[in-house]
Amino acid sequence: MALNVGDTAPDFALRGATGEEKMTFSLADQRGKKNVVIAFFPAAFTPV
């Protein structure tokens, strides 16, 4: 699925943790509240 400039990003959810606390980040939870920047770094922080 290709997106064009100005398109609304599709919803997604990511699991993560901060210390002992586990959390889920959902784009839908942020919509209309904050600006979100998504950066993808393939193989970052991995022994590739």
PDB file of N, CA and C in Angstrom:
ATOM      1  N   MET A   1       0.846  -1.169   0.000  1.00  0.00           N
ATOM      2  CA  MET A   1       0.000   0.000   0.000  1.00  0.00           C
ATOM      3  C   MET A   1       0.896   1.236   0.000  1.00  0.00           C
ATOM      4  N   ALA A   2       0.779   2.053  -0.980  1.00  0.00           N
ATOM      5  CA  ALA A   2       1.592   3.263  -1.075  1.00  0.00           C
ATOM      6  C   ALA A   2       0.823   4.447  -0.495  1.00  0.00           C
ATOM      7  N   LEU A   3       1.559   5.322   0.170  1.00  0.00           N
ATOM      8  CA  LEU A   3       0.980   6.551   0.701  1.00  0.00           C
ATOM      9  C   LEU A   3       1.530   7.734  -0.078  1.00  0.00           C
ATOM     10  N   ASN A   4       0.716   8.739  -0.204  1.00  0.00           N
ATOM     11  CA  ASN A   4       1.134   9.973  -0.845  1.00  0.00           C
ATOM     12  C   ASN A   4       1.252  11.065   0.208  1.00  0.00           C
ATOM     13  N   VAL A   5       1.953  12.120  -0.133  1.00  0.00           N
ATOM     14  CA  VAL A   5       2.083  13.253   0.780  1.00  0.00           C
ATOM     15  C   VAL A   5       0.686  13.747   1.143  1.00  0.00           C
ATOM     16  N   GLY A   6       0.461  13.907   2.443  1.00  0.00           N
ATOM     17  CA  GLY A   6      -0.828  14.394   2.916  1.00  0.00           C
ATOM     18  C   GLY A   6      -1.801  13.301   3.298  1.00  0.00           C
ATOM     19  N   ASP A   7      -1.503  12.031   2.943  1.00  0.00           N
ATOM     20  CA  ASP A   7      -2.375  10.915   3.326  1.00  0.00           C
ATOM     21  C   ASP A   7      -2.295  10.685   4.827  1.00  0.00           C
ATOM     22  N   THR A   8      -3.370  10.188   5.391  1.00  0.00           N
ATOM     23  CA  THR A   8      -3.379   9.792   6.791  1.00  0.00           C
ATOM     24  C   THR A   8      -2.703   8.439   6.915  1.00  0.00           C
ATOM     25  N   ALA A   9      -1.788   8.327   7.866  1.00  0.00           N
ATOM     26  CA  ALA A   9      -1.070   7.061   8.068  1.00  0.00           C
ATOM     27  C   ALA A   9      -2.031   6.001   8.600  1.00  0.00           C
ATOM     28  N   PRO A  10      -1.874   4.759   8.172  1.00  0.00           N
ATOM     29  CA  PRO A  10      -2.722   3.689   8.711  1.00  0.00           C
ATOM     30  C   PRO A  10      -2.376   3.436  10.172  1.00  0.00           C
ATOM     31  N   ASP A  11      -3.348   2.983  10.932  1.00  0.00           N
ATOM     32  CA  ASP A  11      -3.119   2.715  12.346  1.00  0.00           C
ATOM     33  C   ASP A  11      -2.180   1.527  12.522  1.00  0.00           C
ATOM     34  N   PHE A  12      -1.395   1.576  13.579  1.00  0.00           N
ATOM     35  CA  PHE A  12      -0.538   0.457  13.952  1.00  0.00           C
ATOM     36  C   PHE A  12      -0.303   0.524  15.447  1.00  0.00           C
ATOM     37  N   ALA A  13       0.138  -0.571  16.021  1.00  0.00           N
ATOM     38  CA  ALA A  13       0.465  -0.622  17.453  1.00  0.00           C
ATOM     39  C   ALA A  13       1.800  -1.319  17.610  1.00  0.00           C
ATOM     40  N   LEU A  14       2.619  -0.819  18.523  1.00  0.00           N
ATOM     41  CA  LEU A  14       3.928  -1.387  18.804  1.00  0.00           C
ATOM     42  C   LEU A  14       4.037  -1.712  20.282  1.00  0.00           C
ATOM     43  N   ARG A  15       4.606  -2.861  20.599  1.00  0.00           N
ATOM     44  CA  ARG A  15       4.875  -3.210  21.993  1.00  0.00           C
ATOM     45  C   ARG A  15       6.270  -2.736  22.344  1.00  0.00           C
ATOM     46  N   GLY A  16       6.433  -2.287  23.565  1.00  0.00           N
ATOM     47  CA  GLY A  16       7.740  -1.817  24.010  1.00  0.00           C
ATOM     48  C   GLY A  16       7.834  -1.893  25.519  1.00  0.00           C
ATOM     49  N   ALA A  17       8.927  -1.406  26.038  1.00  0.00           N
ATOM     50  CA  ALA A  17       9.128  -1.410  27.487  1.00  0.00           C
ATOM     51  C   ALA A  17      10.043  -0.263  27.861  1.00  0.00           C
ATOM     52  N   THR A  18       9.758   0.306  29.009  1.00  0.00           N
ATOM     53  CA  THR A  18      10.641   1.295  29.604  1.00  0.00           C
ATOM     54  C   THR A  18      11.004   0.762  30.983  1.00  0.00           C
ATOM     55  N   GLY A  19      12.171   0.223  31.105  1.00  0.00           N
ATOM     56  CA  GLY A  19      12.555  -0.425  32.368  1.00  0.00           C
ATOM     57  C   GLY A  19      11.718  -1.669  32.574  1.00  0.00           C
ATOM     58  N   GLU A  20      11.048  -1.742  33.688  1.00  0.00           N
ATOM     59  CA  GLU A  20      10.198  -2.904  34.000  1.00  0.00           C
ATOM     60  C   GLU A  20       8.779  -2.753  33.453  1.00  0.00           C
ATOM     61  N   GLU A  21       8.412  -1.541  33.051  1.00  0.00           N
ATOM     62  CA  GLU A  21       7.048  -1.282  32.599  1.00  0.00           C
ATOM     63  C   GLU A  21       6.884  -1.654  31.129  1.00  0.00           C
ATOM     64  N   LYS A  22       5.906  -2.527  30.846  1.00  0.00           N
ATOM     65  CA  LYS A  22       5.599  -2.879  29.456  1.00  0.00           C
ATOM     66  C   LYS A  22       4.477  -1.973  28.983  1.00  0.00           C
ATOM     67  N   MET A  23       4.548  -1.586  27.715  1.00  0.00           N
ATOM     68  CA  MET A  23       3.574  -0.647  27.198  1.00  0.00           C
ATOM     69  C   MET A  23       3.263  -0.948  25.743  1.00  0.00           C
ATOM     70  N   THR A  24       2.189  -0.371  25.260  1.00  0.00           N
ATOM     71  CA  THR A  24       1.826  -0.460  23.856  1.00  0.00           C
ATOM     72  C   THR A  24       1.630   0.954  23.335  1.00  0.00           C
ATOM     73  N   PHE A  25       2.265   1.264  22.222  1.00  0.00           N
ATOM     74  CA  PHE A  25       2.094   2.549  21.557  1.00  0.00           C
ATOM     75  C   PHE A  25       1.181   2.329  20.373  1.00  0.00           C
ATOM     76  N   SER A  26       0.116   3.079  20.306  1.00  0.00           N
ATOM     77  CA  SER A  26      -0.824   2.978  19.195  1.00  0.00           C
ATOM     78  C   SER A  26      -0.926   4.336  18.520  1.00  0.00           C
ATOM     79  N   LEU A  27      -0.826   4.352  17.208  1.00  0.00           N
ATOM     80  CA  LEU A  27      -0.949   5.604  16.482  1.00  0.00           C
ATOM     81  C   LEU A  27      -2.334   6.210  16.685  1.00  0.00           C
ATOM     82  N   ALA A  28      -3.355   5.381  16.764  1.00  0.00           N
ATOM     83  CA  ALA A  28      -4.718   5.880  16.957  1.00  0.00           C
ATOM     84  C   ALA A  28      -4.847   6.635  18.280  1.00  0.00           C
ATOM     85  N   ASP A  29      -4.109   6.221  19.307  1.00  0.00           N
ATOM     86  CA  ASP A  29      -4.160   6.906  20.602  1.00  0.00           C
ATOM     87  C   ASP A  29      -3.554   8.303  20.530  1.00  0.00           C
ATOM     88  N   GLN A  30      -2.658   8.542  19.591  1.00  0.00           N
ATOM     89  CA  GLN A  30      -1.976   9.832  19.467  1.00  0.00           C
ATOM     90  C   GLN A  30      -2.656  10.773  18.472  1.00  0.00           C
ATOM     91  N   ARG A  31      -3.512  10.231  17.633  1.00  0.00           N
ATOM     92  CA  ARG A  31      -4.125  11.026  16.569  1.00  0.00           C
ATOM     93  C   ARG A  31      -4.907  12.214  17.153  1.00  0.00           C
ATOM     94  N   GLY A  32      -4.594  13.407  16.671  1.00  0.00           N
ATOM     95  CA  GLY A  32      -5.268  14.613  17.123  1.00  0.00           C
ATOM     96  C   GLY A  32      -4.701  15.203  18.405  1.00  0.00           C
ATOM     97  N   LYS A  33      -3.741  14.514  19.045  1.00  0.00           N
ATOM     98  CA  LYS A  33      -3.157  14.985  20.297  1.00  0.00           C
ATOM     99  C   LYS A  33      -1.741  15.510  20.108  1.00  0.00           C
ATOM    100  N   LYS A  34      -0.930  14.756  19.384  1.00  0.00           N
ATOM    101  CA  LYS A  34       0.480  15.081  19.234  1.00  0.00           C
ATOM    102  C   LYS A  34       0.919  14.805  17.800  1.00  0.00           C
ATOM    103  N   ASN A  35       2.019  15.428  17.411  1.00  0.00           N
ATOM    104  CA  ASN A  35       2.652  15.071  16.144  1.00  0.00           C
ATOM    105  C   ASN A  35       3.510  13.842  16.379  1.00  0.00           C
ATOM    106  N   VAL A  36       3.514  12.930  15.427  1.00  0.00           N
ATOM    107  CA  VAL A  36       4.282  11.690  15.545  1.00  0.00           C
ATOM    108  C   VAL A  36       5.242  11.605  14.369  1.00  0.00           C
ATOM    109  N   VAL A  37       6.511  11.332  14.662  1.00  0.00           N
ATOM    110  CA  VAL A  37       7.514  11.119  13.634  1.00  0.00           C
ATOM    111  C   VAL A  37       7.918   9.650  13.682  1.00  0.00           C
ATOM    112  N   ILE A  38       7.872   8.982  12.548  1.00  0.00           N
ATOM    113  CA  ILE A  38       8.224   7.569  12.485  1.00  0.00           C
ATOM    114  C   ILE A  38       9.550   7.448  11.745  1.00  0.00           C
ATOM    115  N   ALA A  39      10.530   6.852  12.398  1.00  0.00           N
ATOM    116  CA  ALA A  39      11.837   6.636  11.780  1.00  0.00           C
ATOM    117  C   ALA A  39      12.154   5.142  11.850  1.00  0.00           C
ATOM    118  N   PHE A  40      12.597   4.590  10.739  1.00  0.00           N
ATOM    119  CA  PHE A  40      12.905   3.163  10.673  1.00  0.00           C
ATOM    120  C   PHE A  40      14.367   3.008  10.316  1.00  0.00           C
ATOM    121  N   PHE A  41      15.095   2.280  11.146  1.00  0.00           N
ATOM    122  CA  PHE A  41      16.513   2.029  10.923  1.00  0.00           C
ATOM    123  C   PHE A  41      16.736   0.531  10.798  1.00  0.00           C
ATOM    124  N   PRO A  42      16.731  -0.015   9.590  1.00  0.00           N
ATOM    125  CA  PRO A  42      16.911  -1.457   9.423  1.00  0.00           C
ATOM    126  C   PRO A  42      18.239  -1.922  10.025  1.00  0.00           C
ATOM    127  N   ALA A  43      18.168  -2.954  10.800  1.00  0.00           N
ATOM    128  CA  ALA A  43      19.315  -3.606  11.405  1.00  0.00           C
ATOM    129  C   ALA A  43      20.065  -2.725  12.410  1.00  0.00           C
ATOM    130  N   ALA A  44      19.457  -1.634  12.862  1.00  0.00           N
ATOM    131  CA  ALA A  44      20.105  -0.779  13.854  1.00  0.00           C
ATOM    132  C   ALA A  44      20.186  -1.521  15.180  1.00  0.00           C
ATOM    133  N   PHE A  45      21.288  -1.391  15.828  1.00  0.00           N
ATOM    134  CA  PHE A  45      21.521  -1.999  17.146  1.00  0.00           C
ATOM    135  C   PHE A  45      21.470  -3.522  17.105  1.00  0.00           C
ATOM    136  N   THR A  46      21.777  -4.112  15.968  1.00  0.00           N
ATOM    137  CA  THR A  46      21.831  -5.561  15.850  1.00  0.00           C
ATOM    138  C   THR A  46      23.204  -5.961  15.311  1.00  0.00           C
ATOM    139  N   PRO A  47      23.648  -7.149  15.650  1.00  0.00           N
ATOM    140  CA  PRO A  47      24.982  -7.592  15.186  1.00  0.00           C
ATOM    141  C   PRO A  47      24.954  -8.138  13.768  1.00  0.00           C
ATOM    142  N   VAL A  48      24.530  -7.335  12.806  1.00  0.00           N
ATOM    143  CA  VAL A  48      24.443  -7.783  11.401  1.00  0.00           C
ATOM    144  C   VAL A  48      25.750  -7.502  10.706  1.00  0.00           C
TER     145      VAL A  48
END
